[in-house]
Amino acid sequence: MTRAERRLILTSQLKLSNEGKVKVSKEAVSGPTGGASFIAELQPAIAPRLVERFDSGELDWVEELGSTAKVRVAVDLGAALSEVEQRDLTNPVGGSQPNFYPQPGSLDPPLFAVNASHFSYSGLQQAAACPLRWYAETAIGMPNAWEGASEQKAPALSPRVRGVVMHGLLETQRFGQHPPTAEQAVAAAAVAQEDLDARHAPDVIAATSAVLASSTWARISELGLANPKAVRREESFALLLDCGRHGRVHLRGVLDVFLREDSGLVQVIDWKASAGAAGSQDLPALVAADYSIQREAYALAALESGGANRPERVEVIHLYAERPEEPVSEAFTQQDVERLRKSLQTRVSDLLDSGFPATESPHAGLCSGCPAARTLCPHPAEMTARPRPA
């Protein structure tokens, strides 16, 4: 089947009886060679009441498939094709051959609306990279492509699982203590409801240990031992954004480390594990490309913390396990609050108005495991499996 970018039109034949009723023949159900026919396989899934509706004279209706998905079914009895044939439309290059492509609006269902009352900052960041993937995973709940896959088909250790387990270990790591063990990594994975093979635990431990050996962690540890209240880990936040016609939207997230010293210094520190960071020639550009939305959300949350004692200045730091002595920091002040809020509001509104297109720059790091791959996505497999473009 072709991968449709906007619209998928299926054609088939339905025989009518003398009374104008749908006549389902053996061939229509089983196919001429005895196997399941194309329309027989799809019809129960996308239009389970096709015959019933057709017999009643209803040719345009909406099917509800499960609790989250809807599909508009429009049956054309040949009028649209006849109209196109009679127009004598020419092709784009000026030839005289008729253009038999469907005309806009002939079978153009309205976009399935997404009424979002809350977002996670990570979801918003993902949506900026590929709105279609966010729509498939979050809005309509399609299962991740790795779910149900065999062990041979799934990656040895997905970057997502590696990052989740590393964050879990850093969250529970006691200041001044030895790095965690492989057994603790497997236990942390179980707490996060992730599967981590013991053979892959050393990879996670290596990334975690690199962070624990950094000067950034040494400073956090020193401050945490001296004043435990000054360092908070896995700190949740929520921002209320006014997104115009989409209403008020809550943007939620979690700060890996929220540090507030008596001097007034406020820092948000985010741990990252990314193979792309190891060979990057420009870490600040990498952070800006991959985590600009996250950084804006962190900065706004930190600037609005503290009630009446809001900090005048905050720093948002991203630290990669692959480059532990090269933290990427950006400072924000109270003068940035309105700008940050408007930027986040615009990002949410633009996403909900976008129509959820596929990314224009697919690559394996972005597309791996995407539920829309080979179904909703218009990009061929060779594009979604390629390395990230330079």
Protein backbone atom coordinates (compact mmCIF):
# COMPACT_ATOMS: atom_id res chain seq x y z
CA MET A 1 0.00 0.00 0.00
CA THR A 2 1.20 3.50 -0.73
CA ARG A 3 2.10 5.83 2.15
CA ALA A 4 -0.40 8.67 1.93
CA GLU A 5 0.82 12.11 2.94
CA ARG A 6 -2.60 13.73 3.34
CA ARG A 7 -5.34 11.55 1.94
CA LEU A 8 -5.75 7.87 1.07
CA ILE A 9 -8.40 6.98 -1.50
CA LEU A 10 -9.41 3.32 -1.83
CA THR A 11 -11.27 2.08 -4.88
CA SER A 12 -13.21 -1.13 -5.25
CA GLN A 13 -16.36 -2.50 -6.85
CA LEU A 14 -19.59 -3.38 -5.07
CA LYS A 15 -22.25 -5.21 -7.06
CA LEU A 16 -25.85 -4.09 -6.72
CA SER A 17 -28.93 -6.29 -6.85
CA ASN A 18 -31.95 -5.36 -8.92
CA GLU A 19 -33.38 -3.65 -5.84
CA GLY A 20 -30.32 -1.42 -5.53
CA LYS A 21 -29.00 -3.32 -2.50
CA VAL A 22 -25.34 -4.22 -2.07
CA LYS A 23 -24.70 -7.74 -3.31
CA VAL A 24 -21.64 -9.29 -1.69
CA SER A 25 -20.33 -12.07 -3.92
CA LYS A 26 -18.00 -14.86 -2.92
CA GLU A 27 -15.29 -13.33 -5.08
CA ALA A 28 -15.65 -9.93 -3.40
CA VAL A 29 -15.08 -11.53 -0.02
CA SER A 30 -12.37 -14.05 -0.85
CA GLY A 31 -10.76 -12.61 -3.98
CA PRO A 32 -10.48 -14.30 -7.38
CA THR A 33 -7.69 -16.64 -6.27
CA GLY A 34 -9.30 -17.71 -3.02
CA GLY A 35 -7.27 -15.42 -0.75
CA ALA A 36 -8.65 -12.43 1.12
CA SER A 37 -9.37 -9.56 -1.25
CA PHE A 38 -7.97 -6.08 -0.65
CA ILE A 39 -11.33 -4.49 0.13
CA ALA A 40 -12.46 -7.50 2.18
CA GLU A 41 -9.46 -7.08 4.48
CA LEU A 42 -9.84 -3.33 4.93
CA GLN A 43 -13.59 -2.91 4.98
CA PRO A 44 -14.22 -4.49 8.43
CA ALA A 45 -11.51 -2.29 9.92
CA ILE A 46 -12.26 1.11 8.41
CA ALA A 47 -15.96 0.83 7.61
CA PRO A 48 -17.55 -2.01 9.59
CA ARG A 49 -21.07 -0.80 8.73
CA LEU A 50 -20.46 -0.17 5.03
CA VAL A 51 -23.18 -2.49 3.68
CA GLU A 52 -25.72 -1.37 6.29
CA ARG A 53 -25.10 2.31 5.59
CA PHE A 54 -25.10 1.83 1.84
CA ASP A 55 -28.42 0.01 1.89
CA SER A 56 -29.96 2.83 3.91
CA GLY A 57 -28.87 5.37 1.31
CA GLU A 58 -26.34 7.08 3.61
CA LEU A 59 -23.14 7.75 1.66
CA ASP A 60 -21.19 9.97 4.05
CA TRP A 61 -20.65 9.20 7.75
CA VAL A 62 -18.07 9.05 10.53
CA GLU A 63 -16.90 5.76 12.02
CA GLU A 64 -15.56 5.73 15.58
CA LEU A 65 -12.74 3.20 15.83
CA GLY A 66 -12.07 2.54 19.50
CA SER A 67 -12.05 5.39 22.00
CA THR A 68 -9.61 7.77 20.29
CA ALA A 69 -9.75 7.45 16.51
CA LYS A 70 -12.32 8.52 13.96
CA VAL A 71 -12.49 8.11 10.19
CA ARG A 72 -14.81 9.79 7.73
CA VAL A 73 -16.23 7.39 5.14
CA ALA A 74 -17.49 8.92 1.90
CA VAL A 75 -18.86 6.60 -0.80
CA ASP A 76 -18.76 7.96 -4.35
CA LEU A 77 -21.02 6.20 -6.89
CA GLY A 78 -19.05 7.56 -9.84
CA ALA A 79 -20.31 11.13 -9.94
CA ALA A 80 -16.97 12.64 -8.96
CA LEU A 81 -15.06 10.68 -11.61
CA SER A 82 -17.63 11.52 -14.27
CA GLU A 83 -17.33 15.19 -13.41
CA VAL A 84 -13.53 15.07 -13.76
CA GLU A 85 -13.76 13.25 -17.09
CA GLN A 86 -16.08 15.93 -18.49
CA ARG A 87 -13.85 18.86 -17.51
CA ASP A 88 -11.11 18.19 -20.10
CA LEU A 89 -8.55 19.29 -17.50
CA THR A 90 -4.97 19.48 -18.71
CA ASN A 91 -1.81 18.35 -16.92
CA PRO A 92 0.61 20.86 -15.29
CA VAL A 93 3.03 20.84 -18.25
CA GLY A 94 0.42 21.95 -20.76
CA GLY A 95 -0.39 18.65 -22.45
CA SER A 96 -3.84 17.58 -23.56
CA GLN A 97 -4.19 14.45 -21.41
CA PRO A 98 -7.02 14.65 -18.85
CA ASN A 99 -6.03 15.10 -15.20
CA PHE A 100 -7.78 12.35 -13.26
CA TYR A 101 -6.43 13.30 -9.84
CA PRO A 102 -9.20 14.03 -7.30
CA GLN A 103 -10.01 17.70 -7.04
CA PRO A 104 -9.56 19.47 -3.68
CA GLY A 105 -12.62 19.06 -1.52
CA SER A 106 -14.12 16.11 -3.42
CA LEU A 107 -13.12 13.60 -0.78
CA ASP A 108 -11.32 15.82 1.70
CA PRO A 109 -12.29 14.98 5.31
CA PRO A 110 -11.77 17.58 8.03
CA LEU A 111 -8.71 17.24 10.25
CA PHE A 112 -9.28 15.15 13.37
CA ALA A 113 -9.16 17.85 16.05
CA VAL A 114 -6.81 17.64 19.02
CA ASN A 115 -8.15 19.37 22.11
CA ALA A 116 -5.14 19.49 24.38
CA SER A 117 -5.47 20.84 27.91
CA HIS A 118 -1.95 19.91 28.93
CA PHE A 119 1.45 19.15 27.43
CA SER A 120 4.72 17.86 28.74
CA TYR A 121 7.71 19.96 27.73
CA SER A 122 9.35 16.80 26.36
CA GLY A 123 6.29 16.16 24.21
CA LEU A 124 6.35 19.73 22.95
CA GLN A 125 10.05 19.36 22.16
CA GLN A 126 9.36 16.12 20.30
CA ALA A 127 6.51 17.75 18.40
CA ALA A 128 8.83 20.52 17.24
CA ALA A 129 11.11 17.88 15.71
CA CYS A 130 8.27 15.89 14.10
CA PRO A 131 4.62 16.90 14.65
CA LEU A 132 3.42 13.67 13.02
CA ARG A 133 5.24 11.45 15.50
CA TRP A 134 3.86 13.43 18.43
CA TYR A 135 0.36 13.17 16.95
CA ALA A 136 0.68 9.41 16.42
CA GLU A 137 2.11 8.62 19.85
CA THR A 138 0.44 11.19 22.09
CA ALA A 139 -2.71 12.49 20.44
CA ILE A 140 -4.16 9.24 19.09
CA GLY A 141 -2.15 6.76 21.16
CA MET A 142 -0.60 4.54 18.50
CA PRO A 143 1.76 1.99 20.12
CA ASN A 144 5.49 2.48 19.75
CA ALA A 145 6.90 0.44 16.87
CA TRP A 146 9.12 -1.52 19.27
CA GLU A 147 6.16 -2.75 21.32
CA GLY A 148 5.55 -6.38 20.52
CA ALA A 149 8.67 -6.61 18.36
CA SER A 150 10.96 -9.58 18.75
CA GLU A 151 14.20 -9.25 20.66
CA GLN A 152 16.12 -9.61 17.40
CA LYS A 153 14.31 -6.68 15.79
CA ALA A 154 14.52 -4.28 18.75
CA PRO A 155 17.76 -2.35 19.35
CA ALA A 156 20.26 -3.82 21.80
CA LEU A 157 19.85 -0.86 24.13
CA SER A 158 17.64 1.99 23.01
CA PRO A 159 18.85 5.52 23.77
CA ARG A 160 15.55 6.16 25.56
CA VAL A 161 15.99 3.26 28.01
CA ARG A 162 19.63 4.23 28.56
CA GLY A 163 18.59 7.77 29.44
CA VAL A 164 15.68 6.72 31.66
CA VAL A 165 17.82 4.36 33.74
CA MET A 166 20.67 6.87 34.01
CA HIS A 167 18.25 9.51 35.31
CA GLY A 168 16.83 7.05 37.81
CA LEU A 169 20.28 6.25 39.17
CA LEU A 170 21.26 9.93 39.45
CA GLU A 171 18.00 10.72 41.21
CA THR A 172 18.70 8.22 44.00
CA GLN A 173 22.49 8.53 44.16
CA ARG A 174 23.62 9.60 47.63
CA PHE A 175 26.08 12.45 47.80
CA GLY A 176 29.61 11.31 48.59
CA GLN A 177 28.88 7.63 47.87
CA HIS A 178 30.40 5.22 45.35
CA PRO A 179 28.88 4.93 41.86
CA PRO A 180 25.99 2.48 41.46
CA THR A 181 26.44 -1.14 40.47
CA ALA A 182 25.06 -3.10 37.53
CA GLU A 183 22.53 -4.71 39.87
CA GLN A 184 21.30 -1.26 40.89
CA ALA A 185 20.94 -0.31 37.23
CA VAL A 186 18.73 -3.33 36.57
CA ALA A 187 16.68 -2.48 39.68
CA ALA A 188 16.33 1.16 38.55
CA ALA A 189 15.06 -0.05 35.20
CA ALA A 190 12.45 -2.22 36.91
CA VAL A 191 11.26 0.76 38.98
CA ALA A 192 10.84 2.73 35.74
CA GLN A 193 9.03 -0.28 34.22
CA GLU A 194 11.73 -0.70 31.61
CA ASP A 195 13.56 -3.85 30.55
CA LEU A 196 17.34 -3.68 30.93
CA ASP A 197 19.34 -6.77 30.11
CA ALA A 198 22.20 -7.28 32.58
CA ARG A 199 24.57 -7.40 29.61
CA HIS A 200 23.73 -3.77 28.84
CA ALA A 201 23.96 -2.51 32.42
CA PRO A 202 27.69 -1.61 32.13
CA ASP A 203 26.83 0.86 29.35
CA VAL A 204 24.38 2.66 31.64
CA ILE A 205 26.80 2.53 34.58
CA ALA A 206 29.56 4.06 32.44
CA ALA A 207 27.35 7.01 31.49
CA THR A 208 26.20 7.50 35.08
CA SER A 209 29.74 7.27 36.45
CA ALA A 210 30.93 9.89 33.97
CA VAL A 211 28.38 12.34 35.38
CA LEU A 212 29.27 11.45 38.97
CA ALA A 213 32.96 12.12 38.25
CA SER A 214 32.27 15.58 36.81
CA SER A 215 33.06 18.87 38.54
CA THR A 216 29.36 19.80 38.17
CA TRP A 217 28.30 16.81 40.28
CA ALA A 218 31.10 17.53 42.79
CA ARG A 219 29.69 21.03 43.33
CA ILE A 220 26.13 19.72 43.67
CA SER A 221 27.28 17.05 46.11
CA GLU A 222 29.22 19.56 48.23
CA LEU A 223 26.24 21.90 48.42
CA GLY A 224 23.81 19.06 49.11
CA LEU A 225 25.87 17.74 52.01
CA ALA A 226 26.19 21.23 53.52
CA ASN A 227 22.54 22.21 53.01
CA PRO A 228 20.20 19.43 51.85
CA LYS A 229 17.37 21.92 51.24
CA ALA A 230 19.43 23.76 48.67
CA VAL A 231 19.40 20.85 46.21
CA ARG A 232 16.17 19.30 45.00
CA ARG A 233 16.08 16.46 42.50
CA GLU A 234 13.22 15.48 40.20
CA GLU A 235 11.35 18.70 40.98
CA SER A 236 7.97 18.90 39.22
CA PHE A 237 6.56 22.11 37.76
CA ALA A 238 3.53 23.30 35.80
CA LEU A 239 3.14 26.45 33.69
CA LEU A 240 -0.24 27.87 32.69
CA LEU A 241 -0.16 29.16 29.11
CA ASP A 242 -2.88 31.22 27.40
CA CYS A 243 -2.98 29.81 23.87
CA GLY A 244 -5.67 31.98 22.33
CA ARG A 245 -8.50 30.06 20.66
CA HIS A 246 -7.06 26.82 22.07
CA GLY A 247 -7.70 28.03 25.59
CA ARG A 248 -5.46 27.61 28.59
CA VAL A 249 -2.92 24.83 28.40
CA HIS A 250 -0.83 23.42 31.25
CA LEU A 251 2.79 22.73 30.37
CA ARG A 252 4.20 20.21 32.81
CA GLY A 253 7.67 18.88 33.41
CA VAL A 254 10.32 17.72 35.85
CA LEU A 255 13.67 19.34 36.64
CA ASP A 256 16.53 16.88 37.12
CA VAL A 257 18.25 19.19 39.62
CA PHE A 258 16.99 22.48 41.04
CA LEU A 259 19.74 24.24 42.97
CA ARG A 260 19.21 27.38 45.05
CA GLU A 261 22.02 28.76 47.17
CA ASP A 262 21.73 31.23 50.04
CA SER A 263 23.50 33.77 47.83
CA GLY A 264 20.48 33.73 45.53
CA LEU A 265 22.14 31.69 42.77
CA VAL A 266 19.54 29.49 41.06
CA GLN A 267 20.50 26.77 38.61
CA VAL A 268 18.55 24.12 36.76
CA ILE A 269 20.69 21.17 35.69
CA ASP A 270 19.58 18.61 33.14
CA TRP A 271 21.42 15.34 32.51
CA LYS A 272 21.71 14.13 28.93
CA ALA A 273 23.01 10.96 27.30
CA SER A 274 23.40 11.22 23.54
CA ALA A 275 25.73 9.47 21.13
CA GLY A 276 25.61 12.58 18.97
CA ALA A 277 27.26 14.64 21.71
CA ALA A 278 30.44 12.56 21.67
CA GLY A 279 31.61 13.82 18.30
CA SER A 280 29.83 17.16 18.21
CA GLN A 281 31.96 20.13 17.21
CA ASP A 282 29.48 22.60 18.72
CA LEU A 283 27.69 21.49 21.89
CA PRO A 284 25.81 24.79 22.38
CA ALA A 285 24.38 24.46 18.85
CA LEU A 286 23.40 20.85 19.58
CA VAL A 287 21.53 21.90 22.74
CA ALA A 288 19.83 24.77 20.90
CA ALA A 289 18.71 22.42 18.13
CA ASP A 290 17.48 19.60 20.36
CA TYR A 291 16.40 21.25 23.62
CA SER A 292 15.49 24.89 23.00
CA ILE A 293 11.87 24.37 24.10
CA GLN A 294 12.96 22.47 27.18
CA ARG A 295 15.37 25.25 28.07
CA GLU A 296 12.65 27.90 27.73
CA ALA A 297 10.30 25.89 29.95
CA TYR A 298 12.99 25.30 32.58
CA ALA A 299 13.96 28.97 32.62
CA LEU A 300 10.38 30.20 33.00
CA ALA A 301 9.62 27.67 35.73
CA ALA A 302 12.75 28.68 37.67
CA LEU A 303 12.14 32.42 37.25
CA GLU A 304 8.59 32.03 38.58
CA SER A 305 9.64 29.88 41.54
CA GLY A 306 9.99 31.11 45.10
CA GLY A 307 6.72 33.01 45.44
CA ALA A 308 7.48 36.56 46.56
CA ASN A 309 11.21 35.80 46.50
CA ARG A 310 11.59 35.09 42.82
CA PRO A 311 15.18 34.92 41.63
CA GLU A 312 16.50 37.79 39.57
CA ARG A 313 18.66 35.48 37.48
CA VAL A 314 18.72 31.76 36.72
CA GLU A 315 21.05 29.50 34.76
CA VAL A 316 19.88 26.48 32.78
CA ILE A 317 22.64 23.90 32.34
CA HIS A 318 22.67 20.85 30.07
CA LEU A 319 25.37 18.30 30.79
CA TYR A 320 26.06 15.33 28.52
CA ALA A 321 27.45 12.12 29.99
CA GLU A 322 29.63 11.86 26.89
CA ARG A 323 31.17 15.32 27.59
CA PRO A 324 30.91 15.67 31.39
CA GLU A 325 33.36 18.56 31.72
CA GLU A 326 31.67 20.71 29.08
CA PRO A 327 28.33 21.84 30.52
CA VAL A 328 26.28 24.10 28.26
CA SER A 329 24.81 27.02 30.21
CA GLU A 330 22.51 29.92 29.37
CA ALA A 331 21.37 32.64 31.78
CA PHE A 332 17.93 34.27 32.00
CA THR A 333 16.58 37.18 34.05
CA GLN A 334 13.17 38.46 35.12
CA GLN A 335 13.18 40.64 32.00
CA ASP A 336 12.93 37.44 29.96
CA VAL A 337 9.74 36.14 31.61
CA GLU A 338 7.20 37.58 29.15
CA ARG A 339 9.31 36.67 26.16
CA LEU A 340 9.65 33.08 27.36
CA ARG A 341 5.94 32.79 28.08
CA LYS A 342 4.93 34.16 24.67
CA SER A 343 7.38 31.86 22.94
CA LEU A 344 5.96 28.76 24.64
CA GLN A 345 2.37 29.88 23.99
CA THR A 346 3.18 30.39 20.32
CA ARG A 347 4.85 26.99 20.05
CA VAL A 348 1.79 25.22 21.48
CA SER A 349 -0.66 27.19 19.29
CA ASP A 350 1.43 26.63 16.17
CA LEU A 351 1.54 22.89 16.83
CA LEU A 352 -2.23 22.61 17.26
CA ASP A 353 -2.74 24.64 14.07
CA SER A 354 -0.10 22.79 12.05
CA GLY A 355 -1.99 19.79 10.71
CA PHE A 356 0.80 17.62 12.20
CA PRO A 357 3.08 17.21 9.17
CA ALA A 358 6.01 14.81 9.10
CA THR A 359 9.48 16.20 9.69
CA GLU A 360 11.29 17.53 6.64
CA SER A 361 14.56 16.02 7.87
CA PRO A 362 14.00 12.37 8.85
CA HIS A 363 16.83 10.30 10.30
CA ALA A 364 17.30 7.23 12.47
CA GLY A 365 17.77 9.15 15.69
CA LEU A 366 14.42 10.89 15.26
CA CYS A 367 12.41 8.17 13.53
CA SER A 368 13.51 4.96 15.26
CA GLY A 369 10.51 3.23 16.83
CA CYS A 370 8.01 5.77 15.48
CA PRO A 371 4.51 4.26 15.23
CA ALA A 372 3.76 6.33 12.13
CA ALA A 373 6.63 4.80 10.15
CA ARG A 374 5.50 2.81 7.10
CA THR A 375 1.87 3.75 7.82
CA LEU A 376 1.13 7.47 8.17
CA CYS A 377 4.61 8.74 7.35
CA PRO A 378 5.28 9.79 3.74
CA HIS A 379 9.06 9.25 4.01
CA PRO A 380 10.57 6.02 2.64
CA ALA A 381 12.48 3.66 4.94
CA GLU A 382 15.86 4.64 3.50
CA MET A 383 15.27 8.20 4.70
CA THR A 384 14.05 7.33 8.19
CA ALA A 385 16.94 4.90 8.70
CA ARG A 386 19.74 7.21 7.57
CA PRO A 387 22.19 8.92 9.96
CA ARG A 388 21.36 12.40 11.11
CA PRO A 389 22.19 14.93 8.36
CA ALA A 390 25.13 17.16 9.13
